[in-house]
Amino acid sequence: MRFATVEEPGGAVRCGVVDGDTLLRLPEGTSVLELLRSGTLLDAGAAAGDPISLAGLRLLPPVEAPTVRDFAAFEEHVEGIAGAVDDAWYAAPTFYFTNPYGLVGAHDDVAVPPGCERLDFELEVAAVIGVAGSDLTPGEARHHIAGYTILNDWSARDLQFREMAVRLGPCKGKDFATTLGPFLVTADEVEPHRDADGFLSLGMTVAVNGTEIGRDLLSNMSWPFEDLVAYASRGTEVRPGDVLGSGTCGNGGCLAELWGRGRDLPPLVPGDVVTMTVDGLGTIANTVVAGADPRPIPVARRRGRRRPSGPTTT
């Protein structure tokens, strides 16, 4: 099944099961997140009805994610960004937490974040957790994935690289927008695309203003999603609705990879339309719009250190 969350004319938010160009709405007050938490997502089709055309409805992120982890699971992407892949990268599927408040829908406008002059996209797929768990094995983790959706990890590269130079982040270079959509496609629908090595073999493409920039296979991940979920659960929990991004695919999954390989492509500017398509998951398309100017914050002060008076303890 495919689940969508929409904003109807007048502002009402509803979710339902997608049937072609129609949304079979679930009862008012139902949300995809609550279906996941109650373990009734796959049973929801029996209650779906009250059809409405998807045309003219605003597609919201299909699930209101409590947390969003984003991995870096494509070796080719890391190689293009960094020039070489450090041995530490191969040891574990690392990730960072991004901002669940920054989630935007499949066709929402995306504003240039304050102070950014090098805006970029990142073509990814995300797994959505359906069953809570901790310290999972990869074999166990497969049964904790409810489904998949497309993820665009919008990136302010100039902000990102500056803040990561202090060995933290990314923070403001990433937290302004993350597209999820168009739908949450349940794991059983994607399973036939699994290859002999256990990876999901889905074609992925990204275009800017109708010109294709990147094309890859999801199966080029260096770890399958089960490994990502297992690692995320180590020493903690994954819970229903949590989103885990694959990281950016290779072969032009973002501009920064192509910049690293010597391609002279311009960063995104207002008016650009970024379109991403993944086999079996659908298409998202967001238009870049002008954003706000940054409100000034002073640079850090440089001064000598003072200490409280009194004896020094050891």
C-alpha atoms as a PDB file:
ATOM      1  CA  MET A   1       0.000   0.000   0.000  1.00  0.00           C
ATOM      2  CA  ARG A   2       0.881   3.638  -0.375  1.00  0.00           C
ATOM      3  CA  PHE A   3      -0.050   6.170   2.283  1.00  0.00           C
ATOM      4  CA  ALA A   4      -0.305   9.918   1.801  1.00  0.00           C
ATOM      5  CA  THR A   5      -0.910  12.801   4.168  1.00  0.00           C
ATOM      6  CA  VAL A   6      -2.537  15.823   2.533  1.00  0.00           C
ATOM      7  CA  GLU A   7      -3.790  19.288   3.264  1.00  0.00           C
ATOM      8  CA  GLU A   8      -7.231  19.768   1.785  1.00  0.00           C
ATOM      9  CA  PRO A   9      -8.708  23.085   0.604  1.00  0.00           C
ATOM     10  CA  GLY A  10      -9.619  24.914   3.780  1.00  0.00           C
ATOM     11  CA  GLY A  11      -6.629  23.555   5.678  1.00  0.00           C
ATOM     12  CA  ALA A  12      -7.899  20.207   6.981  1.00  0.00           C
ATOM     13  CA  VAL A  13      -5.182  17.538   7.223  1.00  0.00           C
ATOM     14  CA  ARG A  14      -6.161  13.999   6.282  1.00  0.00           C
ATOM     15  CA  CYS A  15      -4.314  10.784   5.519  1.00  0.00           C
ATOM     16  CA  GLY A  16      -5.319   7.799   3.501  1.00  0.00           C
ATOM     17  CA  VAL A  17      -4.439   5.039   1.080  1.00  0.00           C
ATOM     18  CA  VAL A  18      -3.416   6.046  -2.436  1.00  0.00           C
ATOM     19  CA  ASP A  19      -5.273   4.330  -5.267  1.00  0.00           C
ATOM     20  CA  GLY A  20      -3.991   5.710  -8.570  1.00  0.00           C
ATOM     21  CA  ASP A  21      -4.888   9.399  -8.623  1.00  0.00           C
ATOM     22  CA  THR A  22      -7.336   9.026  -5.738  1.00  0.00           C
ATOM     23  CA  LEU A  23      -6.899   9.193  -1.984  1.00  0.00           C
ATOM     24  CA  LEU A  24      -9.099   6.804  -0.042  1.00  0.00           C
ATOM     25  CA  ARG A  25      -9.374   8.790   3.139  1.00  0.00           C
ATOM     26  CA  LEU A  26      -9.119   7.311   6.592  1.00  0.00           C
ATOM     27  CA  PRO A  27     -11.379   8.592   9.388  1.00  0.00           C
ATOM     28  CA  GLU A  28     -10.776  12.165  10.563  1.00  0.00           C
ATOM     29  CA  GLY A  29      -8.132  12.392  13.249  1.00  0.00           C
ATOM     30  CA  THR A  30      -6.212   9.390  11.915  1.00  0.00           C
ATOM     31  CA  SER A  31      -2.514   9.953  11.225  1.00  0.00           C
ATOM     32  CA  VAL A  32       0.131   7.717   9.676  1.00  0.00           C
ATOM     33  CA  LEU A  33       2.253   8.144  12.792  1.00  0.00           C
ATOM     34  CA  GLU A  34      -0.539   6.836  15.027  1.00  0.00           C
ATOM     35  CA  LEU A  35      -1.132   3.904  12.681  1.00  0.00           C
ATOM     36  CA  LEU A  36       2.556   3.040  12.991  1.00  0.00           C
ATOM     37  CA  ARG A  37       2.544   3.399  16.753  1.00  0.00           C
ATOM     38  CA  SER A  38      -0.537   1.204  17.120  1.00  0.00           C
ATOM     39  CA  GLY A  39       0.788  -1.420  14.714  1.00  0.00           C
ATOM     40  CA  THR A  40      -2.283  -1.121  12.487  1.00  0.00           C
ATOM     41  CA  LEU A  41      -0.770   0.404   9.342  1.00  0.00           C
ATOM     42  CA  LEU A  42      -1.279  -2.684   7.181  1.00  0.00           C
ATOM     43  CA  ASP A  43      -4.827  -3.104   8.507  1.00  0.00           C
ATOM     44  CA  ALA A  44      -5.810   0.458   7.626  1.00  0.00           C
ATOM     45  CA  GLY A  45      -6.870  -0.393   4.086  1.00  0.00           C
ATOM     46  CA  ALA A  46     -10.080  -1.935   5.412  1.00  0.00           C
ATOM     47  CA  ALA A  47     -11.110   1.435   6.872  1.00  0.00           C
ATOM     48  CA  ALA A  48     -10.094   3.500   3.832  1.00  0.00           C
ATOM     49  CA  GLY A  49     -12.888   5.047   1.807  1.00  0.00           C
ATOM     50  CA  ASP A  50     -14.390   8.501   1.266  1.00  0.00           C
ATOM     51  CA  PRO A  51     -12.417   8.983  -1.997  1.00  0.00           C
ATOM     52  CA  ILE A  52     -11.070  12.326  -3.125  1.00  0.00           C
ATOM     53  CA  SER A  53      -8.893  13.235  -6.107  1.00  0.00           C
ATOM     54  CA  LEU A  54      -5.269  13.918  -5.236  1.00  0.00           C
ATOM     55  CA  ALA A  55      -5.241  16.703  -7.832  1.00  0.00           C
ATOM     56  CA  GLY A  56      -5.218  20.075  -6.137  1.00  0.00           C
ATOM     57  CA  LEU A  57      -4.314  18.689  -2.712  1.00  0.00           C
ATOM     58  CA  ARG A  58      -1.076  19.660  -1.008  1.00  0.00           C
ATOM     59  CA  LEU A  59       1.038  16.601  -0.283  1.00  0.00           C
ATOM     60  CA  LEU A  60       2.543  16.884   3.197  1.00  0.00           C
ATOM     61  CA  PRO A  61       5.372  14.650   4.427  1.00  0.00           C
ATOM     62  CA  PRO A  62       3.683  11.242   4.619  1.00  0.00           C
ATOM     63  CA  VAL A  63       4.633  10.799   8.283  1.00  0.00           C
ATOM     64  CA  GLU A  64       5.245  13.328  11.044  1.00  0.00           C
ATOM     65  CA  ALA A  65       8.658  11.954  11.966  1.00  0.00           C
ATOM     66  CA  PRO A  66       9.712  12.231  15.624  1.00  0.00           C
ATOM     67  CA  THR A  67      13.386  11.889  14.615  1.00  0.00           C
ATOM     68  CA  VAL A  68      15.346  12.001  11.365  1.00  0.00           C
ATOM     69  CA  ARG A  69      18.730  10.304  11.066  1.00  0.00           C
ATOM     70  CA  ASP A  70      20.671  10.733   7.845  1.00  0.00           C
ATOM     71  CA  PHE A  71      23.452   8.298   6.953  1.00  0.00           C
ATOM     72  CA  ALA A  72      26.280   8.412   4.408  1.00  0.00           C
ATOM     73  CA  ALA A  73      25.976   4.945   2.928  1.00  0.00           C
ATOM     74  CA  PHE A  74      27.175   5.536  -0.654  1.00  0.00           C
ATOM     75  CA  GLU A  75      30.936   5.201  -1.099  1.00  0.00           C
ATOM     76  CA  GLU A  76      30.883   7.018  -4.450  1.00  0.00           C
ATOM     77  CA  HIS A  77      29.275  10.099  -2.884  1.00  0.00           C
ATOM     78  CA  VAL A  78      31.838  10.245  -0.067  1.00  0.00           C
ATOM     79  CA  GLU A  79      34.667   9.778  -2.548  1.00  0.00           C
ATOM     80  CA  GLY A  80      33.406  12.649  -4.692  1.00  0.00           C
ATOM     81  CA  ILE A  81      32.977  15.018  -1.753  1.00  0.00           C
ATOM     82  CA  ALA A  82      36.214  14.205   0.082  1.00  0.00           C
ATOM     83  CA  GLY A  83      38.474  13.056  -2.766  1.00  0.00           C
ATOM     84  CA  ALA A  84      39.257   9.836  -0.907  1.00  0.00           C
ATOM     85  CA  VAL A  85      37.415   7.597   1.526  1.00  0.00           C
ATOM     86  CA  ASP A  86      38.973   7.320   4.985  1.00  0.00           C
ATOM     87  CA  ASP A  87      39.288   3.841   6.478  1.00  0.00           C
ATOM     88  CA  ALA A  88      37.114   4.974   9.389  1.00  0.00           C
ATOM     89  CA  TRP A  89      34.148   5.347   7.014  1.00  0.00           C
ATOM     90  CA  TYR A  90      34.128   1.611   6.267  1.00  0.00           C
ATOM     91  CA  ALA A  91      34.008   0.663   9.947  1.00  0.00           C
ATOM     92  CA  ALA A  92      30.403   1.689  10.636  1.00  0.00           C
ATOM     93  CA  PRO A  93      27.474   3.391   8.893  1.00  0.00           C
ATOM     94  CA  THR A  94      27.714   6.841  10.460  1.00  0.00           C
ATOM     95  CA  PHE A  95      24.849   9.344  10.562  1.00  0.00           C
ATOM     96  CA  TYR A  96      23.794  12.699  11.939  1.00  0.00           C
ATOM     97  CA  PHE A  97      20.456  13.851  13.336  1.00  0.00           C
ATOM     98  CA  THR A  98      18.641  16.486  11.314  1.00  0.00           C
ATOM     99  CA  ASN A  99      15.652  18.658  12.140  1.00  0.00           C
ATOM    100  CA  PRO A 100      12.184  17.020  12.111  1.00  0.00           C
ATOM    101  CA  TYR A 101      10.666  20.529  12.194  1.00  0.00           C
ATOM    102  CA  GLY A 102      12.249  21.173   8.780  1.00  0.00           C
ATOM    103  CA  LEU A 103      10.312  18.481   6.901  1.00  0.00           C
ATOM    104  CA  VAL A 104       8.521  19.703   3.768  1.00  0.00           C
ATOM    105  CA  GLY A 105       6.148  18.042   1.330  1.00  0.00           C
ATOM    106  CA  ALA A 106       6.720  16.616  -2.126  1.00  0.00           C
ATOM    107  CA  HIS A 107       5.844  19.812  -4.003  1.00  0.00           C
ATOM    108  CA  ASP A 108       6.411  22.524  -1.390  1.00  0.00           C
ATOM    109  CA  ASP A 109       8.594  25.528  -2.146  1.00  0.00           C
ATOM    110  CA  VAL A 110      11.991  25.520  -0.425  1.00  0.00           C
ATOM    111  CA  ALA A 111      13.457  28.853   0.674  1.00  0.00           C
ATOM    112  CA  VAL A 112      17.167  29.550   0.457  1.00  0.00           C
ATOM    113  CA  PRO A 113      18.318  29.554   4.100  1.00  0.00           C
ATOM    114  CA  PRO A 114      19.611  32.843   5.546  1.00  0.00           C
ATOM    115  CA  GLY A 115      23.183  33.549   4.518  1.00  0.00           C
ATOM    116  CA  CYS A 116      23.474  30.686   2.022  1.00  0.00           C
ATOM    117  CA  GLU A 117      25.103  31.239  -1.361  1.00  0.00           C
ATOM    118  CA  ARG A 118      25.774  27.594  -2.352  1.00  0.00           C
ATOM    119  CA  LEU A 119      22.487  25.699  -2.118  1.00  0.00           C
ATOM    120  CA  ASP A 120      22.488  22.027  -3.063  1.00  0.00           C
ATOM    121  CA  PHE A 121      20.154  19.006  -3.180  1.00  0.00           C
ATOM    122  CA  GLU A 122      20.803  15.402  -2.105  1.00  0.00           C
ATOM    123  CA  LEU A 123      18.975  12.467  -3.692  1.00  0.00           C
ATOM    124  CA  GLU A 124      18.187   9.798  -1.105  1.00  0.00           C
ATOM    125  CA  VAL A 125      15.726   7.122  -0.053  1.00  0.00           C
ATOM    126  CA  ALA A 126      14.558   6.846   3.548  1.00  0.00           C
ATOM    127  CA  ALA A 127      13.279   3.928   5.586  1.00  0.00           C
ATOM    128  CA  VAL A 128      10.499   4.566   8.100  1.00  0.00           C
ATOM    129  CA  ILE A 129      10.397   2.553  11.316  1.00  0.00           C
ATOM    130  CA  GLY A 130       7.191   0.678  12.103  1.00  0.00           C
ATOM    131  CA  VAL A 131       8.110  -1.302  15.222  1.00  0.00           C
ATOM    132  CA  ALA A 132      10.187  -0.113  18.172  1.00  0.00           C
ATOM    133  CA  GLY A 133      13.388  -1.940  18.989  1.00  0.00           C
ATOM    134  CA  SER A 134      16.835  -1.657  20.512  1.00  0.00           C
ATOM    135  CA  ASP A 135      20.154  -3.415  19.954  1.00  0.00           C
ATOM    136  CA  LEU A 136      18.752  -5.133  16.878  1.00  0.00           C
ATOM    137  CA  THR A 137      20.630  -7.453  14.561  1.00  0.00           C
ATOM    138  CA  PRO A 138      20.347  -6.708  10.835  1.00  0.00           C
ATOM    139  CA  GLY A 139      18.132  -9.772  10.461  1.00  0.00           C
ATOM    140  CA  GLU A 140      15.784  -8.498  13.142  1.00  0.00           C
ATOM    141  CA  ALA A 141      15.884  -4.956  11.799  1.00  0.00           C
ATOM    142  CA  ARG A 142      14.193  -5.863   8.513  1.00  0.00           C
ATOM    143  CA  HIS A 143      10.977  -6.572  10.381  1.00  0.00           C
ATOM    144  CA  HIS A 144      11.098  -3.142  12.026  1.00  0.00           C
ATOM    145  CA  ILE A 145      10.917  -1.233   8.726  1.00  0.00           C
ATOM    146  CA  ALA A 146       7.377  -0.194   7.796  1.00  0.00           C
ATOM    147  CA  GLY A 147       8.166   1.297   4.410  1.00  0.00           C
ATOM    148  CA  TYR A 148      10.155   3.706   2.287  1.00  0.00           C
ATOM    149  CA  THR A 149       9.916   7.196   0.849  1.00  0.00           C
ATOM    150  CA  ILE A 150      12.063   9.637  -1.159  1.00  0.00           C
ATOM    151  CA  LEU A 151      14.208  12.083   0.812  1.00  0.00           C
ATOM    152  CA  ASN A 152      15.880  15.268  -0.444  1.00  0.00           C
ATOM    153  CA  ASP A 153      18.438  16.437   2.115  1.00  0.00           C
ATOM    154  CA  TRP A 154      18.719  20.096   1.096  1.00  0.00           C
ATOM    155  CA  SER A 155      22.181  21.414   1.912  1.00  0.00           C
ATOM    156  CA  ALA A 156      23.663  24.886   2.337  1.00  0.00           C
ATOM    157  CA  ARG A 157      27.199  23.889   1.395  1.00  0.00           C
ATOM    158  CA  ASP A 158      28.951  27.112   2.377  1.00  0.00           C
ATOM    159  CA  LEU A 159      27.335  27.063   5.825  1.00  0.00           C
ATOM    160  CA  GLN A 160      27.894  23.307   6.210  1.00  0.00           C
ATOM    161  CA  PHE A 161      31.598  23.281   5.402  1.00  0.00           C
ATOM    162  CA  ARG A 162      32.289  26.295   7.614  1.00  0.00           C
ATOM    163  CA  GLU A 163      30.615  24.807  10.669  1.00  0.00           C
ATOM    164  CA  MET A 164      32.134  21.342  10.135  1.00  0.00           C
ATOM    165  CA  ALA A 165      35.583  22.931  10.178  1.00  0.00           C
ATOM    166  CA  VAL A 166      35.166  23.229  13.972  1.00  0.00           C
ATOM    167  CA  ARG A 167      34.558  19.440  14.172  1.00  0.00           C
ATOM    168  CA  LEU A 168      30.833  19.734  14.815  1.00  0.00           C
ATOM    169  CA  GLY A 169      27.803  19.710  12.605  1.00  0.00           C
ATOM    170  CA  PRO A 170      26.375  19.774  10.120  1.00  0.00           C
ATOM    171  CA  CYS A 171      23.815  22.001  11.793  1.00  0.00           C
ATOM    172  CA  LYS A 172      22.524  25.181  10.104  1.00  0.00           C
ATOM    173  CA  GLY A 173      23.868  23.879   6.806  1.00  0.00           C
ATOM    174  CA  LYS A 174      21.230  21.131   6.920  1.00  0.00           C
ATOM    175  CA  ASP A 175      18.345  21.879   9.271  1.00  0.00           C
ATOM    176  CA  PHE A 176      16.262  24.268   7.152  1.00  0.00           C
ATOM    177  CA  ALA A 177      14.501  21.789   4.813  1.00  0.00           C
ATOM    178  CA  THR A 178      14.220  18.058   4.166  1.00  0.00           C
ATOM    179  CA  THR A 179      11.693  16.858   1.608  1.00  0.00           C
ATOM    180  CA  LEU A 180       9.843  13.591   2.290  1.00  0.00           C
ATOM    181  CA  GLY A 181       7.381  12.092  -0.144  1.00  0.00           C
ATOM    182  CA  PRO A 182       5.357  11.738  -2.111  1.00  0.00           C
ATOM    183  CA  PHE A 183       4.076   8.694  -0.225  1.00  0.00           C
ATOM    184  CA  LEU A 184       5.033   6.100   2.367  1.00  0.00           C
ATOM    185  CA  VAL A 185       5.294   2.897   0.342  1.00  0.00           C
ATOM    186  CA  THR A 186       4.989  -0.184   2.527  1.00  0.00           C
ATOM    187  CA  ALA A 187       7.948  -2.538   2.666  1.00  0.00           C
ATOM    188  CA  ASP A 188       6.076  -5.452   1.086  1.00  0.00           C
ATOM    189  CA  GLU A 189       5.635  -3.438  -2.133  1.00  0.00           C
ATOM    190  CA  VAL A 190       9.370  -2.758  -2.364  1.00  0.00           C
ATOM    191  CA  GLU A 191      10.495  -6.284  -1.460  1.00  0.00           C
ATOM    192  CA  PRO A 192      10.299  -7.661  -5.045  1.00  0.00           C
ATOM    193  CA  HIS A 193      13.114  -5.236  -5.960  1.00  0.00           C
ATOM    194  CA  ARG A 194      15.577  -6.872  -3.541  1.00  0.00           C
ATOM    195  CA  ASP A 195      18.618  -8.296  -5.343  1.00  0.00           C
ATOM    196  CA  ALA A 196      20.646 -11.432  -4.622  1.00  0.00           C
ATOM    197  CA  ASP A 197      22.917  -9.512  -2.243  1.00  0.00           C
ATOM    198  CA  GLY A 198      19.981  -8.296  -0.146  1.00  0.00           C
ATOM    199  CA  PHE A 199      19.953  -4.702  -1.445  1.00  0.00           C
ATOM    200  CA  LEU A 200      16.949  -2.865  -2.887  1.00  0.00           C
ATOM    201  CA  SER A 201      17.648  -2.282  -6.578  1.00  0.00           C
ATOM    202  CA  LEU A 202      15.687   0.881  -7.350  1.00  0.00           C
ATOM    203  CA  GLY A 203      16.618   3.370 -10.051  1.00  0.00           C
ATOM    204  CA  MET A 204      17.136   6.938  -8.792  1.00  0.00           C
ATOM    205  CA  THR A 205      17.308  10.128 -10.876  1.00  0.00           C
ATOM    206  CA  VAL A 206      17.504  13.849 -10.156  1.00  0.00           C
ATOM    207  CA  ALA A 207      16.991  16.739 -12.557  1.00  0.00           C
ATOM    208  CA  VAL A 208      17.267  20.522 -12.255  1.00  0.00           C
ATOM    209  CA  ASN A 209      14.913  22.491 -14.493  1.00  0.00           C
ATOM    210  CA  GLY A 210      14.302  19.369 -16.557  1.00  0.00           C
ATOM    211  CA  THR A 211      17.987  18.550 -17.151  1.00  0.00           C
ATOM    212  CA  GLU A 212      19.131  15.288 -15.613  1.00  0.00           C
ATOM    213  CA  ILE A 213      22.030  15.780 -13.200  1.00  0.00           C
ATOM    214  CA  GLY A 214      22.369  12.377 -11.536  1.00  0.00           C
ATOM    215  CA  ARG A 215      21.374   8.735 -11.974  1.00  0.00           C
ATOM    216  CA  ASP A 216      22.179   5.786  -9.710  1.00  0.00           C
ATOM    217  CA  LEU A 217      20.870   2.563  -8.190  1.00  0.00           C
ATOM    218  CA  LEU A 218      19.867   2.349  -4.547  1.00  0.00           C
ATOM    219  CA  SER A 219      21.602  -1.050  -4.496  1.00  0.00           C
ATOM    220  CA  ASN A 220      24.950   0.765  -4.717  1.00  0.00           C
ATOM    221  CA  MET A 221      24.668   1.472  -0.990  1.00  0.00           C
ATOM    222  CA  SER A 222      27.578   0.005   0.945  1.00  0.00           C
ATOM    223  CA  TRP A 223      25.216  -1.168   3.709  1.00  0.00           C
ATOM    224  CA  PRO A 224      21.572  -2.223   3.265  1.00  0.00           C
ATOM    225  CA  PHE A 225      18.895  -0.465   5.286  1.00  0.00           C
ATOM    226  CA  GLU A 226      18.767  -3.350   7.754  1.00  0.00           C
ATOM    227  CA  ASP A 227      22.343  -2.572   8.767  1.00  0.00           C
ATOM    228  CA  LEU A 228      21.531   1.125   9.143  1.00  0.00           C
ATOM    229  CA  VAL A 229      18.560   0.379  11.394  1.00  0.00           C
ATOM    230  CA  ALA A 230      20.576  -2.089  13.482  1.00  0.00           C
ATOM    231  CA  TYR A 231      23.369   0.436  13.978  1.00  0.00           C
ATOM    232  CA  ALA A 232      20.918   3.225  14.838  1.00  0.00           C
ATOM    233  CA  SER A 233      19.341   0.993  17.484  1.00  0.00           C
ATOM    234  CA  ARG A 234      22.650   0.139  19.158  1.00  0.00           C
ATOM    235  CA  GLY A 235      22.564   1.224  22.800  1.00  0.00           C
ATOM    236  CA  THR A 236      19.301   3.105  22.271  1.00  0.00           C
ATOM    237  CA  GLU A 237      15.931   2.729  20.514  1.00  0.00           C
ATOM    238  CA  VAL A 238      14.356   3.215  17.150  1.00  0.00           C
ATOM    239  CA  ARG A 239      10.653   3.975  17.403  1.00  0.00           C
ATOM    240  CA  PRO A 240       7.679   4.073  15.034  1.00  0.00           C
ATOM    241  CA  GLY A 241       7.825   7.009  12.651  1.00  0.00           C
ATOM    242  CA  ASP A 242      11.595   7.468  12.896  1.00  0.00           C
ATOM    243  CA  VAL A 243      13.098   8.260   9.499  1.00  0.00           C
ATOM    244  CA  LEU A 244      16.509   6.918   8.447  1.00  0.00           C
ATOM    245  CA  GLY A 245      17.951   8.362   5.240  1.00  0.00           C
ATOM    246  CA  SER A 246      20.299   6.381   3.026  1.00  0.00           C
ATOM    247  CA  GLY A 247      22.608   9.292   2.427  1.00  0.00           C
ATOM    248  CA  THR A 248      23.211  10.742  -1.003  1.00  0.00           C
ATOM    249  CA  CYS A 249      23.571   8.379  -3.919  1.00  0.00           C
ATOM    250  CA  GLY A 250      26.559   8.598  -6.237  1.00  0.00           C
ATOM    251  CA  ASN A 251      26.929   9.581  -9.885  1.00  0.00           C
ATOM    252  CA  GLY A 252      25.524  13.073  -9.474  1.00  0.00           C
ATOM    253  CA  GLY A 253      23.266  12.595  -6.465  1.00  0.00           C
ATOM    254  CA  CYS A 254      24.233  16.117  -5.412  1.00  0.00           C
ATOM    255  CA  LEU A 255      26.076  19.085  -6.876  1.00  0.00           C
ATOM    256  CA  ALA A 256      28.860  18.961  -4.275  1.00  0.00           C
ATOM    257  CA  GLU A 257      29.947  15.518  -5.491  1.00  0.00           C
ATOM    258  CA  LEU A 258      30.199  16.867  -9.035  1.00  0.00           C
ATOM    259  CA  TRP A 259      32.040  19.976  -7.824  1.00  0.00           C
ATOM    260  CA  GLY A 260      34.527  17.648  -6.139  1.00  0.00           C
ATOM    261  CA  ARG A 261      35.035  15.848  -9.428  1.00  0.00           C
ATOM    262  CA  GLY A 262      35.718  19.098 -11.303  1.00  0.00           C
ATOM    263  CA  ARG A 263      32.281  19.750 -12.816  1.00  0.00           C
ATOM    264  CA  ASP A 264      31.532  23.481 -13.041  1.00  0.00           C
ATOM    265  CA  LEU A 265      27.820  23.500 -12.221  1.00  0.00           C
ATOM    266  CA  PRO A 266      26.144  26.470 -10.542  1.00  0.00           C
ATOM    267  CA  PRO A 267      24.528  26.170  -7.109  1.00  0.00           C
ATOM    268  CA  LEU A 268      20.762  26.328  -6.909  1.00  0.00           C
ATOM    269  CA  VAL A 269      19.064  29.731  -7.094  1.00  0.00           C
ATOM    270  CA  PRO A 270      15.456  30.926  -6.709  1.00  0.00           C
ATOM    271  CA  GLY A 271      13.337  29.656  -9.563  1.00  0.00           C
ATOM    272  CA  ASP A 272      15.171  26.346  -9.935  1.00  0.00           C
ATOM    273  CA  VAL A 273      12.997  23.223  -9.809  1.00  0.00           C
ATOM    274  CA  VAL A 274      14.593  20.053  -8.413  1.00  0.00           C
ATOM    275  CA  THR A 275      12.831  16.838  -9.454  1.00  0.00           C
ATOM    276  CA  MET A 276      13.659  13.422  -8.004  1.00  0.00           C
ATOM    277  CA  THR A 277      12.232  10.079  -9.103  1.00  0.00           C
ATOM    278  CA  VAL A 278      12.813   6.668  -7.533  1.00  0.00           C
ATOM    279  CA  ASP A 279      11.428   3.478  -9.063  1.00  0.00           C
ATOM    280  CA  GLY A 280       8.483   2.212  -7.074  1.00  0.00           C
ATOM    281  CA  LEU A 281       8.391   5.244  -4.767  1.00  0.00           C
ATOM    282  CA  GLY A 282       7.275   8.070  -7.061  1.00  0.00           C
ATOM    283  CA  THR A 283       8.417  11.607  -7.817  1.00  0.00           C
ATOM    284  CA  ILE A 284       8.970  14.763  -5.795  1.00  0.00           C
ATOM    285  CA  ALA A 285       9.560  18.229  -7.256  1.00  0.00           C
ATOM    286  CA  ASN A 286      10.361  21.344  -5.234  1.00  0.00           C
ATOM    287  CA  THR A 287      10.880  24.916  -6.410  1.00  0.00           C
ATOM    288  CA  VAL A 288      13.606  27.013  -4.794  1.00  0.00           C
ATOM    289  CA  VAL A 289      12.422  30.444  -3.647  1.00  0.00           C
ATOM    290  CA  ALA A 290      14.173  33.423  -2.093  1.00  0.00           C
ATOM    291  CA  GLY A 291      14.677  33.276   1.651  1.00  0.00           C
ATOM    292  CA  ALA A 292      15.180  35.754   4.455  1.00  0.00           C
ATOM    293  CA  ASP A 293      18.353  37.682   5.142  1.00  0.00           C
ATOM    294  CA  PRO A 294      20.222  36.482   8.250  1.00  0.00           C
ATOM    295  CA  ARG A 295      19.569  38.359  11.482  1.00  0.00           C
ATOM    296  CA  PRO A 296      23.008  39.446  12.720  1.00  0.00           C
ATOM    297  CA  ILE A 297      24.703  37.572  15.554  1.00  0.00           C
ATOM    298  CA  PRO A 298      28.081  38.889  16.751  1.00  0.00           C
ATOM    299  CA  VAL A 299      31.231  36.846  16.317  1.00  0.00           C
ATOM    300  CA  ALA A 300      32.726  35.251  19.407  1.00  0.00           C
ATOM    301  CA  ARG A 301      34.650  37.564  21.705  1.00  0.00           C
ATOM    302  CA  ARG A 302      38.385  37.058  22.126  1.00  0.00           C
ATOM    303  CA  ARG A 303      39.577  37.810  25.632  1.00  0.00           C
ATOM    304  CA  GLY A 304      41.556  36.460  28.541  1.00  0.00           C
ATOM    305  CA  ARG A 305      39.983  33.959  30.923  1.00  0.00           C
ATOM    306  CA  ARG A 306      38.907  34.856  34.430  1.00  0.00           C
ATOM    307  CA  ARG A 307      38.424  32.373  37.254  1.00  0.00           C
ATOM    308  CA  PRO A 308      36.380  32.471  40.449  1.00  0.00           C
ATOM    309  CA  SER A 309      38.374  33.393  43.545  1.00  0.00           C
ATOM    310  CA  GLY A 310      39.116  30.775  46.185  1.00  0.00           C
ATOM    311  CA  PRO A 311      41.289  27.712  46.605  1.00  0.00           C
ATOM    312  CA  THR A 312      41.920  25.407  43.661  1.00  0.00           C
ATOM    313  CA  THR A 313      40.549  21.923  44.177  1.00  0.00           C
ATOM    314  CA  THR A 314      42.348  18.818  42.960  1.00  0.00           C
END
